[in-house]
Structures are given as structure tokens and as C-alpha cells.
Amino acid sequence: MYFSNRKDAFIFYQIILDCYARHDLKGDIQEEKNKWYVQLHESGGSLLSEISQAVNEILSKRKLNAWMEGVLRHRFYYDDPKEIERVIRMSIKLKKDPPEGVCLPAIEEEMERFIKRKVFERSYSDFDQLSASCLQHIYSDLLDFTGKLLDEYKLEEAHQMMVDSWRRRVKSKASGVPLLHVRYDQGIKYYFPEGNPVGRGELLNYLESHPDPMIQNLPEDLGILPALIYSPEELMIYADEQGEAKLELLMNIFEEKAVWKPLSYFPFLKA
């Protein structure tokens, strides 16, 4: 296997030795015509599977993000290095946990199949040529993936702008409600400091006497709106489920004003 970059050659060699090598494997790294040549020797057997695995690991870890950066710069015209870094960092999260209804191309699986096929076709390869051929092979999928990634990135940016706006609002708004209790048990319910539940009628009356340009109507599912409408000085959340989206959003908006306690600490009615 030939490499123009000595670091790639060394990583390739180490991957095989550390992860895939057998006891009788021998090899070395040599320089030849301005390229680094990794030569492997093994008595009895083939190392093609190990070679394809090592090449795939190098491309996935050292090339894929650079390819995505190239697509962002030259096909989607992003030029802010920090923003490009944020988008690429988000791609890791997106691959691990894609949003519901979003079908992502399996880029890394397709890379692995392509590399394995190419390595098994020949007894040796030029890494740069193999890398370029791999990029050409997955380029359409990479464009598709990056486009969907940017859609999610824009949604997240818009979401963060909304959160920042609400956060500034609850910090600056004078509220007549010092404390609001939030109870989550298969649904979210709100209670005034004395224990009375917050209902739609109370919210409508409050909005009538305290018009809010950011809240035009009340949907069937109130969600986090009661907390935003009253913007209390303290928000006491009672729940046993970590990670529930609405509660996490409330914690994010209210920050130091929000306190999370187990459901068993809820001081009022239990049903």
C-alpha cells in the first residue's frame, strides 16, 4: 500500500498491528519515489480483510470530514470555519440519532463495501487513488447527506434563537407569580404556589389583562406556554423522567430559575 503522507502510512501500519495483526505478521514502512510504502509479510494466509478494514478506518476518521467540508464550501457556499465546524460536529449526532422521518444515506457502510471490493480486486493499491475513487463513488450520497444535515442545522439554529429570545424574556419580565410548580407524570401540569391547578381559563384571563405579543392563541396542548406566560421568579419541576423534551426546554429557558426534583417531592395532590 502506497501513501503520499507518512502519517497515513504509519496509522495504517499501526491499525493492522494493533487491531488486526496475527502473531506471525511482519512488515515495515519504506520510502520510495516520494511515497511511503507499507509492506506486509505473513506466512500462510491473506491480509486483504485487515487491509480493507485499516483503509476504511483511515478514510472514515481522517478524510470523511474533510470531504464534507469541501462540499459545504464549494457546493453550499459556507465559508465561516467555526460554522463549518459546528455543522460537521452536528453530523456525528445526526448519524447516531437521526430525526424521525429523515432517511439518511448510509455513507460509511457504502464506503466500507467499496473499499473492500477494491482491495480484494488487487494485491496492492495506491492510497490516494483509492481515496479519490472512494470519494467519487460516494459523492452523490455525500451531497444528499450534507443537504439533510444543513436542514437540521438550520432548524437547530432557529430553535436556539427562539430559546435565547424566551430566555431574555423570562429574565426581564416582571411577574406577579413568584413560584410555579410543574408536575410531569405521563403529561405536564402546572400549579400555583398554593396548589391550585393552572387551567385554560386562568391563562386566558391573564392574557386578557396582560396582553403578550409573542403569544397570540392557546393551542390544545399547552406544552411550555403556561410557564412562559407567567414567567415566574422560580420554576419548581417535579419529574422522574430525565430527558423529556418539554422539561429540558423549560430548564434551558429558565436556567437558574428552574429547580428539578423527584416526582415524590410534589407537595400537593398525588393524582
C-alpha atoms as a PDB file:
ATOM      1  CA  MET A   1       0.000   0.000   0.000  1.00  0.00           C
ATOM      2  CA  TYR A   2       1.484   3.353  -1.115  1.00  0.00           C
ATOM      3  CA  PHE A   3       0.878   6.634   0.741  1.00  0.00           C
ATOM      4  CA  SER A   4       1.924  10.195  -0.122  1.00  0.00           C
ATOM      5  CA  ASN A   5       1.526  11.115   3.552  1.00  0.00           C
ATOM      6  CA  ARG A   6       3.838   9.369   6.005  1.00  0.00           C
ATOM      7  CA  LYS A   7       1.357   9.849   8.864  1.00  0.00           C
ATOM      8  CA  ASP A   8      -1.339   7.948   6.945  1.00  0.00           C
ATOM      9  CA  ALA A   9       1.166   5.169   6.256  1.00  0.00           C
ATOM     10  CA  PHE A  10       2.113   4.957   9.918  1.00  0.00           C
ATOM     11  CA  ILE A  11      -1.519   4.933  11.085  1.00  0.00           C
ATOM     12  CA  PHE A  12      -2.340   2.233   8.542  1.00  0.00           C
ATOM     13  CA  TYR A  13       0.548   0.113   9.764  1.00  0.00           C
ATOM     14  CA  GLN A  14      -0.360   0.610  13.435  1.00  0.00           C
ATOM     15  CA  ILE A  15      -4.033  -0.253  12.887  1.00  0.00           C
ATOM     16  CA  ILE A  16      -3.088  -3.575  11.349  1.00  0.00           C
ATOM     17  CA  LEU A  17      -0.503  -4.361  14.014  1.00  0.00           C
ATOM     18  CA  ASP A  18      -2.670  -3.297  16.955  1.00  0.00           C
ATOM     19  CA  CYS A  19      -6.100  -4.453  15.876  1.00  0.00           C
ATOM     20  CA  TYR A  20      -5.892  -6.985  13.080  1.00  0.00           C
ATOM     21  CA  ALA A  21      -2.406  -8.493  13.127  1.00  0.00           C
ATOM     22  CA  ARG A  22      -1.700 -12.136  13.705  1.00  0.00           C
ATOM     23  CA  HIS A  23       1.312 -13.377  15.648  1.00  0.00           C
ATOM     24  CA  ASP A  24       3.369 -14.192  12.563  1.00  0.00           C
ATOM     25  CA  LEU A  25       2.773 -10.856  10.822  1.00  0.00           C
ATOM     26  CA  LYS A  26       5.879  -8.901   9.869  1.00  0.00           C
ATOM     27  CA  GLY A  27       6.235  -5.655   7.980  1.00  0.00           C
ATOM     28  CA  ASP A  28       7.931  -2.326   7.578  1.00  0.00           C
ATOM     29  CA  ILE A  29       7.491   1.170   6.167  1.00  0.00           C
ATOM     30  CA  GLN A  30       9.811   2.314   3.395  1.00  0.00           C
ATOM     31  CA  GLU A  31      10.156   5.427   1.275  1.00  0.00           C
ATOM     32  CA  GLU A  32      10.109   5.001  -2.483  1.00  0.00           C
ATOM     33  CA  LYS A  33       9.855   7.751  -5.107  1.00  0.00           C
ATOM     34  CA  ASN A  34       8.469  10.348  -2.686  1.00  0.00           C
ATOM     35  CA  LYS A  35       5.852   7.933  -1.407  1.00  0.00           C
ATOM     36  CA  TRP A  36       5.647   5.727   1.644  1.00  0.00           C
ATOM     37  CA  TYR A  37       5.305   2.054   1.007  1.00  0.00           C
ATOM     38  CA  VAL A  38       3.827  -0.264   3.621  1.00  0.00           C
ATOM     39  CA  GLN A  39       4.987  -3.794   3.012  1.00  0.00           C
ATOM     40  CA  LEU A  40       3.420  -6.652   4.948  1.00  0.00           C
ATOM     41  CA  HIS A  41       4.514 -10.284   5.129  1.00  0.00           C
ATOM     42  CA  GLU A  42       2.592 -13.185   6.559  1.00  0.00           C
ATOM     43  CA  SER A  43       3.237 -16.874   6.152  1.00  0.00           C
ATOM     44  CA  GLY A  44       0.100 -18.718   5.203  1.00  0.00           C
ATOM     45  CA  GLY A  45      -2.965 -16.610   4.659  1.00  0.00           C
ATOM     46  CA  SER A  46      -4.138 -13.287   3.295  1.00  0.00           C
ATOM     47  CA  LEU A  47      -4.302  -9.877   4.948  1.00  0.00           C
ATOM     48  CA  LEU A  48      -6.793  -8.398   2.495  1.00  0.00           C
ATOM     49  CA  SER A  49      -9.568  -8.178   5.090  1.00  0.00           C
ATOM     50  CA  GLU A  50      -7.231  -6.446   7.540  1.00  0.00           C
ATOM     51  CA  ILE A  51      -6.008  -4.071   4.842  1.00  0.00           C
ATOM     52  CA  SER A  52      -9.536  -3.090   3.783  1.00  0.00           C
ATOM     53  CA  GLN A  53     -10.512  -2.531   7.435  1.00  0.00           C
ATOM     54  CA  ALA A  54      -7.446  -0.331   8.026  1.00  0.00           C
ATOM     55  CA  VAL A  55      -8.022   1.725   4.860  1.00  0.00           C
ATOM     56  CA  ASN A  56     -11.683   2.171   5.763  1.00  0.00           C
ATOM     57  CA  GLU A  57     -10.775   3.371   9.263  1.00  0.00           C
ATOM     58  CA  ILE A  58      -8.315   5.940   7.918  1.00  0.00           C
ATOM     59  CA  LEU A  59     -10.791   7.267   5.357  1.00  0.00           C
ATOM     60  CA  SER A  60     -13.617   7.433   7.909  1.00  0.00           C
ATOM     61  CA  LYS A  61     -11.553   9.197  10.573  1.00  0.00           C
ATOM     62  CA  ARG A  62      -9.190  11.366   8.507  1.00  0.00           C
ATOM     63  CA  LYS A  63     -10.905  12.020   5.177  1.00  0.00           C
ATOM     64  CA  LEU A  64     -14.696  11.955   5.512  1.00  0.00           C
ATOM     65  CA  ASN A  65     -14.971  15.202   7.485  1.00  0.00           C
ATOM     66  CA  ALA A  66     -12.593  16.924   5.047  1.00  0.00           C
ATOM     67  CA  TRP A  67     -14.748  15.751   2.148  1.00  0.00           C
ATOM     68  CA  MET A  68     -17.834  17.100   3.899  1.00  0.00           C
ATOM     69  CA  GLU A  69     -16.065  20.422   4.481  1.00  0.00           C
ATOM     70  CA  GLY A  70     -15.307  20.588   0.763  1.00  0.00           C
ATOM     71  CA  VAL A  71     -18.982  20.021  -0.055  1.00  0.00           C
ATOM     72  CA  LEU A  72     -20.019  22.712   2.439  1.00  0.00           C
ATOM     73  CA  ARG A  73     -17.567  25.213   0.972  1.00  0.00           C
ATOM     74  CA  HIS A  74     -17.892  24.526  -2.742  1.00  0.00           C
ATOM     75  CA  ARG A  75     -21.452  23.252  -3.186  1.00  0.00           C
ATOM     76  CA  PHE A  76     -23.325  25.015  -0.365  1.00  0.00           C
ATOM     77  CA  TYR A  77     -21.022  28.083  -0.160  1.00  0.00           C
ATOM     78  CA  TYR A  78     -20.324  28.063   3.563  1.00  0.00           C
ATOM     79  CA  ASP A  79     -17.101  29.913   4.365  1.00  0.00           C
ATOM     80  CA  ASP A  80     -17.104  30.547   8.133  1.00  0.00           C
ATOM     81  CA  PRO A  81     -14.681  27.987   9.657  1.00  0.00           C
ATOM     82  CA  LYS A  82     -16.488  27.999  13.003  1.00  0.00           C
ATOM     83  CA  GLU A  83     -19.871  27.428  11.388  1.00  0.00           C
ATOM     84  CA  ILE A  84     -18.456  24.628   9.231  1.00  0.00           C
ATOM     85  CA  GLU A  85     -17.030  23.050  12.372  1.00  0.00           C
ATOM     86  CA  ARG A  86     -20.434  23.231  14.090  1.00  0.00           C
ATOM     87  CA  VAL A  87     -22.159  21.628  11.108  1.00  0.00           C
ATOM     88  CA  ILE A  88     -19.615  18.801  10.917  1.00  0.00           C
ATOM     89  CA  ARG A  89     -19.837  18.249  14.679  1.00  0.00           C
ATOM     90  CA  MET A  90     -23.618  18.007  14.333  1.00  0.00           C
ATOM     91  CA  SER A  91     -23.189  15.317  11.649  1.00  0.00           C
ATOM     92  CA  ILE A  92     -21.875  12.925  14.311  1.00  0.00           C
ATOM     93  CA  LYS A  93     -25.028  13.410  16.374  1.00  0.00           C
ATOM     94  CA  LEU A  94     -27.235  13.124  13.295  1.00  0.00           C
ATOM     95  CA  LYS A  95     -25.712   9.780  12.246  1.00  0.00           C
ATOM     96  CA  LYS A  96     -26.119   8.344  15.731  1.00  0.00           C
ATOM     97  CA  ASP A  97     -29.667   9.583  16.255  1.00  0.00           C
ATOM     98  CA  PRO A  98     -31.387  10.674  13.003  1.00  0.00           C
ATOM     99  CA  PRO A  99     -34.628  12.648  13.397  1.00  0.00           C
ATOM    100  CA  GLU A 100     -37.869  10.765  12.926  1.00  0.00           C
ATOM    101  CA  GLY A 101     -38.870  10.661   9.276  1.00  0.00           C
ATOM    102  CA  VAL A 102     -35.416  11.664   7.977  1.00  0.00           C
ATOM    103  CA  CYS A 103     -33.830   8.960   5.797  1.00  0.00           C
ATOM    104  CA  LEU A 104     -30.062   9.387   5.650  1.00  0.00           C
ATOM    105  CA  PRO A 105     -27.822   7.688   3.090  1.00  0.00           C
ATOM    106  CA  ALA A 106     -25.560   5.083   4.689  1.00  0.00           C
ATOM    107  CA  ILE A 107     -22.312   6.732   3.616  1.00  0.00           C
ATOM    108  CA  GLU A 108     -19.924   4.856   5.886  1.00  0.00           C
ATOM    109  CA  GLU A 109     -21.430   1.458   5.055  1.00  0.00           C
ATOM    110  CA  GLU A 110     -21.140   2.228   1.334  1.00  0.00           C
ATOM    111  CA  MET A 111     -17.522   3.328   1.842  1.00  0.00           C
ATOM    112  CA  GLU A 112     -16.730   0.078   3.591  1.00  0.00           C
ATOM    113  CA  ARG A 113     -18.254  -2.024   0.783  1.00  0.00           C
ATOM    114  CA  PHE A 114     -16.432  -0.036  -1.914  1.00  0.00           C
ATOM    115  CA  ILE A 115     -13.040  -0.218  -0.202  1.00  0.00           C
ATOM    116  CA  LYS A 116     -13.338  -3.931   0.469  1.00  0.00           C
ATOM    117  CA  ARG A 117     -14.200  -4.595  -3.156  1.00  0.00           C
ATOM    118  CA  LYS A 118     -11.290  -2.512  -4.436  1.00  0.00           C
ATOM    119  CA  VAL A 119      -8.755  -4.014  -2.047  1.00  0.00           C
ATOM    120  CA  PHE A 120      -9.803  -7.562  -2.915  1.00  0.00           C
ATOM    121  CA  GLU A 121      -9.509  -6.769  -6.626  1.00  0.00           C
ATOM    122  CA  ARG A 122      -5.759  -6.043  -6.306  1.00  0.00           C
ATOM    123  CA  SER A 123      -2.866  -7.259  -4.180  1.00  0.00           C
ATOM    124  CA  TYR A 124      -1.653  -3.696  -3.622  1.00  0.00           C
ATOM    125  CA  SER A 125      -3.107  -0.180  -4.038  1.00  0.00           C
ATOM    126  CA  ASP A 126      -2.203   3.487  -4.053  1.00  0.00           C
ATOM    127  CA  PHE A 127      -3.975   5.050  -1.088  1.00  0.00           C
ATOM    128  CA  ASP A 128      -4.512   8.456  -2.737  1.00  0.00           C
ATOM    129  CA  GLN A 129      -6.020   6.868  -5.838  1.00  0.00           C
ATOM    130  CA  LEU A 130      -8.226   4.644  -3.710  1.00  0.00           C
ATOM    131  CA  SER A 131      -9.287   7.649  -1.623  1.00  0.00           C
ATOM    132  CA  ALA A 132     -10.169   9.686  -4.741  1.00  0.00           C
ATOM    133  CA  SER A 133     -12.121   6.774  -6.227  1.00  0.00           C
ATOM    134  CA  CYS A 134     -13.999   6.317  -2.960  1.00  0.00           C
ATOM    135  CA  LEU A 135     -14.966   9.988  -2.840  1.00  0.00           C
ATOM    136  CA  GLN A 136     -16.202   9.824  -6.420  1.00  0.00           C
ATOM    137  CA  HIS A 137     -18.229   6.730  -5.587  1.00  0.00           C
ATOM    138  CA  ILE A 138     -19.997   8.213  -2.535  1.00  0.00           C
ATOM    139  CA  TYR A 139     -20.177  11.838  -3.739  1.00  0.00           C
ATOM    140  CA  SER A 140     -23.887  11.769  -4.609  1.00  0.00           C
ATOM    141  CA  ASP A 141     -24.733  10.278  -1.195  1.00  0.00           C
ATOM    142  CA  LEU A 142     -22.433  12.799   0.482  1.00  0.00           C
ATOM    143  CA  LEU A 143     -24.304  15.665  -1.201  1.00  0.00           C
ATOM    144  CA  ASP A 144     -27.633  14.192  -0.101  1.00  0.00           C
ATOM    145  CA  PHE A 145     -26.426  13.668   3.467  1.00  0.00           C
ATOM    146  CA  THR A 146     -24.927  17.186   3.710  1.00  0.00           C
ATOM    147  CA  GLY A 147     -28.126  18.762   2.395  1.00  0.00           C
ATOM    148  CA  LYS A 148     -30.222  16.976   5.018  1.00  0.00           C
ATOM    149  CA  LEU A 149     -27.632  17.827   7.656  1.00  0.00           C
ATOM    150  CA  LEU A 150     -27.940  21.522   6.779  1.00  0.00           C
ATOM    151  CA  ASP A 151     -31.734  21.327   7.019  1.00  0.00           C
ATOM    152  CA  GLU A 152     -31.400  20.011  10.580  1.00  0.00           C
ATOM    153  CA  TYR A 153     -28.682  22.561  11.357  1.00  0.00           C
ATOM    154  CA  LYS A 154     -30.928  25.438  10.266  1.00  0.00           C
ATOM    155  CA  LEU A 155     -33.784  24.064  12.370  1.00  0.00           C
ATOM    156  CA  GLU A 156     -31.481  23.809  15.371  1.00  0.00           C
ATOM    157  CA  GLU A 157     -30.179  27.347  14.819  1.00  0.00           C
ATOM    158  CA  ALA A 158     -33.750  28.665  14.594  1.00  0.00           C
ATOM    159  CA  HIS A 159     -34.650  26.691  17.713  1.00  0.00           C
ATOM    160  CA  GLN A 160     -31.683  28.148  19.595  1.00  0.00           C
ATOM    161  CA  MET A 161     -32.649  31.673  18.534  1.00  0.00           C
ATOM    162  CA  MET A 162     -36.148  31.014  19.892  1.00  0.00           C
ATOM    163  CA  VAL A 163     -34.739  29.677  23.171  1.00  0.00           C
ATOM    164  CA  ASP A 164     -32.448  32.705  23.527  1.00  0.00           C
ATOM    165  CA  SER A 165     -35.397  35.039  22.894  1.00  0.00           C
ATOM    166  CA  TRP A 166     -37.564  33.337  25.538  1.00  0.00           C
ATOM    167  CA  ARG A 167     -34.632  33.232  27.950  1.00  0.00           C
ATOM    168  CA  ARG A 168     -34.173  37.000  27.697  1.00  0.00           C
ATOM    169  CA  ARG A 169     -37.912  37.435  28.120  1.00  0.00           C
ATOM    170  CA  VAL A 170     -38.283  35.418  31.319  1.00  0.00           C
ATOM    171  CA  LYS A 171     -35.256  37.170  32.806  1.00  0.00           C
ATOM    172  CA  SER A 172     -36.564  40.676  32.147  1.00  0.00           C
ATOM    173  CA  LYS A 173     -40.321  40.232  32.561  1.00  0.00           C
ATOM    174  CA  ALA A 174     -41.863  41.335  35.850  1.00  0.00           C
ATOM    175  CA  SER A 175     -44.165  38.591  37.076  1.00  0.00           C
ATOM    176  CA  GLY A 176     -46.914  38.572  39.673  1.00  0.00           C
ATOM    177  CA  VAL A 177     -46.341  34.837  40.190  1.00  0.00           C
ATOM    178  CA  PRO A 178     -43.322  34.183  42.422  1.00  0.00           C
ATOM    179  CA  LEU A 179     -43.436  30.400  42.021  1.00  0.00           C
ATOM    180  CA  LEU A 180     -44.953  27.931  39.594  1.00  0.00           C
ATOM    181  CA  HIS A 181     -44.979  24.176  40.224  1.00  0.00           C
ATOM    182  CA  VAL A 182     -44.597  21.880  37.212  1.00  0.00           C
ATOM    183  CA  ARG A 183     -45.582  18.241  37.642  1.00  0.00           C
ATOM    184  CA  TYR A 184     -44.746  15.673  34.964  1.00  0.00           C
ATOM    185  CA  ASP A 185     -46.333  12.232  35.124  1.00  0.00           C
ATOM    186  CA  GLN A 186     -47.403  10.985  31.668  1.00  0.00           C
ATOM    187  CA  GLY A 187     -48.178  14.598  30.911  1.00  0.00           C
ATOM    188  CA  ILE A 188     -47.282  18.083  32.101  1.00  0.00           C
ATOM    189  CA  LYS A 189     -49.439  20.060  34.581  1.00  0.00           C
ATOM    190  CA  TYR A 190     -48.916  23.422  36.275  1.00  0.00           C
ATOM    191  CA  TYR A 191     -49.871  24.587  39.772  1.00  0.00           C
ATOM    192  CA  PHE A 192     -49.914  27.951  41.504  1.00  0.00           C
ATOM    193  CA  PRO A 193     -47.918  28.358  44.776  1.00  0.00           C
ATOM    194  CA  GLU A 194     -50.949  27.474  46.922  1.00  0.00           C
ATOM    195  CA  GLY A 195     -51.564  24.258  44.964  1.00  0.00           C
ATOM    196  CA  ASN A 196     -54.413  25.284  42.644  1.00  0.00           C
ATOM    197  CA  PRO A 197     -54.011  23.840  39.121  1.00  0.00           C
ATOM    198  CA  VAL A 198     -53.432  26.249  36.250  1.00  0.00           C
ATOM    199  CA  GLY A 199     -56.265  25.890  33.742  1.00  0.00           C
ATOM    200  CA  ARG A 200     -57.010  27.340  30.333  1.00  0.00           C
ATOM    201  CA  GLY A 201     -59.462  29.833  31.867  1.00  0.00           C
ATOM    202  CA  GLU A 202     -56.826  31.276  34.189  1.00  0.00           C
ATOM    203  CA  LEU A 203     -54.382  31.624  31.297  1.00  0.00           C
ATOM    204  CA  LEU A 204     -56.950  33.363  29.067  1.00  0.00           C
ATOM    205  CA  ASN A 205     -57.874  35.788  31.852  1.00  0.00           C
ATOM    206  CA  TYR A 206     -54.206  36.540  32.498  1.00  0.00           C
ATOM    207  CA  LEU A 207     -53.523  37.154  28.796  1.00  0.00           C
ATOM    208  CA  GLU A 208     -56.554  39.435  28.601  1.00  0.00           C
ATOM    209  CA  SER A 209     -55.240  41.634  31.404  1.00  0.00           C
ATOM    210  CA  HIS A 210     -51.589  41.188  30.387  1.00  0.00           C
ATOM    211  CA  PRO A 211     -51.528  41.073  26.542  1.00  0.00           C
ATOM    212  CA  ASP A 212     -48.472  39.280  25.187  1.00  0.00           C
ATOM    213  CA  PRO A 213     -47.401  39.974  21.563  1.00  0.00           C
ATOM    214  CA  MET A 214     -45.423  36.720  21.495  1.00  0.00           C
ATOM    215  CA  ILE A 215     -48.473  34.577  22.359  1.00  0.00           C
ATOM    216  CA  GLN A 216     -51.430  35.038  20.033  1.00  0.00           C
ATOM    217  CA  ASN A 217     -53.511  31.987  20.902  1.00  0.00           C
ATOM    218  CA  LEU A 218     -53.529  28.910  23.093  1.00  0.00           C
ATOM    219  CA  PRO A 219     -53.167  25.549  21.347  1.00  0.00           C
ATOM    220  CA  GLU A 220     -54.919  22.425  22.599  1.00  0.00           C
ATOM    221  CA  ASP A 221     -51.638  21.129  24.018  1.00  0.00           C
ATOM    222  CA  LEU A 222     -50.379  23.992  26.186  1.00  0.00           C
ATOM    223  CA  GLY A 223     -46.894  22.486  26.483  1.00  0.00           C
ATOM    224  CA  ILE A 224     -44.499  25.032  27.988  1.00  0.00           C
ATOM    225  CA  LEU A 225     -46.788  28.060  27.403  1.00  0.00           C
ATOM    226  CA  PRO A 226     -48.095  28.415  30.989  1.00  0.00           C
ATOM    227  CA  ALA A 227     -44.531  28.807  32.275  1.00  0.00           C
ATOM    228  CA  LEU A 228     -43.733  31.346  29.546  1.00  0.00           C
ATOM    229  CA  ILE A 229     -46.953  33.304  30.067  1.00  0.00           C
ATOM    230  CA  TYR A 230     -46.456  33.711  33.821  1.00  0.00           C
ATOM    231  CA  SER A 231     -42.614  33.788  33.694  1.00  0.00           C
ATOM    232  CA  PRO A 232     -42.370  33.138  37.468  1.00  0.00           C
ATOM    233  CA  GLU A 233     -39.393  34.015  39.593  1.00  0.00           C
ATOM    234  CA  GLU A 234     -38.939  30.303  40.344  1.00  0.00           C
ATOM    235  CA  LEU A 235     -39.992  27.224  38.430  1.00  0.00           C
ATOM    236  CA  MET A 236     -40.150  24.025  40.502  1.00  0.00           C
ATOM    237  CA  ILE A 237     -40.173  20.930  38.270  1.00  0.00           C
ATOM    238  CA  TYR A 238     -41.172  17.524  39.655  1.00  0.00           C
ATOM    239  CA  ALA A 239     -40.412  14.531  37.437  1.00  0.00           C
ATOM    240  CA  ASP A 240     -38.672  11.182  37.468  1.00  0.00           C
ATOM    241  CA  GLU A 241     -38.021  11.043  33.714  1.00  0.00           C
ATOM    242  CA  GLN A 242     -34.794  12.699  32.631  1.00  0.00           C
ATOM    243  CA  GLY A 243     -34.622  13.797  29.012  1.00  0.00           C
ATOM    244  CA  GLU A 244     -38.304  14.644  28.466  1.00  0.00           C
ATOM    245  CA  ALA A 245     -38.190  17.303  25.750  1.00  0.00           C
ATOM    246  CA  LYS A 246     -40.586  19.883  27.228  1.00  0.00           C
ATOM    247  CA  LEU A 247     -38.957  19.750  30.662  1.00  0.00           C
ATOM    248  CA  GLU A 248     -35.459  20.016  29.197  1.00  0.00           C
ATOM    249  CA  LEU A 249     -36.624  23.031  27.207  1.00  0.00           C
ATOM    250  CA  LEU A 250     -38.002  24.675  30.356  1.00  0.00           C
ATOM    251  CA  MET A 251     -34.714  24.030  32.159  1.00  0.00           C
ATOM    252  CA  ASN A 252     -32.845  25.540  29.218  1.00  0.00           C
ATOM    253  CA  ILE A 253     -35.021  28.670  29.107  1.00  0.00           C
ATOM    254  CA  PHE A 254     -35.350  29.354  32.838  1.00  0.00           C
ATOM    255  CA  GLU A 255     -31.763  28.292  33.705  1.00  0.00           C
ATOM    256  CA  GLU A 256     -31.022  29.197  37.344  1.00  0.00           C
ATOM    257  CA  LYS A 257     -34.713  29.949  37.992  1.00  0.00           C
ATOM    258  CA  ALA A 258     -35.609  26.279  37.412  1.00  0.00           C
ATOM    259  CA  VAL A 259     -35.172  23.524  40.003  1.00  0.00           C
ATOM    260  CA  TRP A 260     -35.647  19.823  39.261  1.00  0.00           C
ATOM    261  CA  LYS A 261     -36.914  17.471  41.981  1.00  0.00           C
ATOM    262  CA  PRO A 262     -38.148  13.849  42.011  1.00  0.00           C
ATOM    263  CA  LEU A 263     -41.875  13.378  41.500  1.00  0.00           C
ATOM    264  CA  SER A 264     -42.236  12.131  45.075  1.00  0.00           C
ATOM    265  CA  TYR A 265     -41.379  15.644  46.333  1.00  0.00           C
ATOM    266  CA  PHE A 266     -44.522  17.137  44.749  1.00  0.00           C
ATOM    267  CA  PRO A 267     -46.230  18.861  47.734  1.00  0.00           C
ATOM    268  CA  PHE A 268     -49.853  18.760  46.619  1.00  0.00           C
ATOM    269  CA  LEU A 269     -52.338  16.202  45.355  1.00  0.00           C
ATOM    270  CA  LYS A 270     -50.907  12.952  44.040  1.00  0.00           C
ATOM    271  CA  ALA A 271     -53.420  12.209  41.307  1.00  0.00           C
END
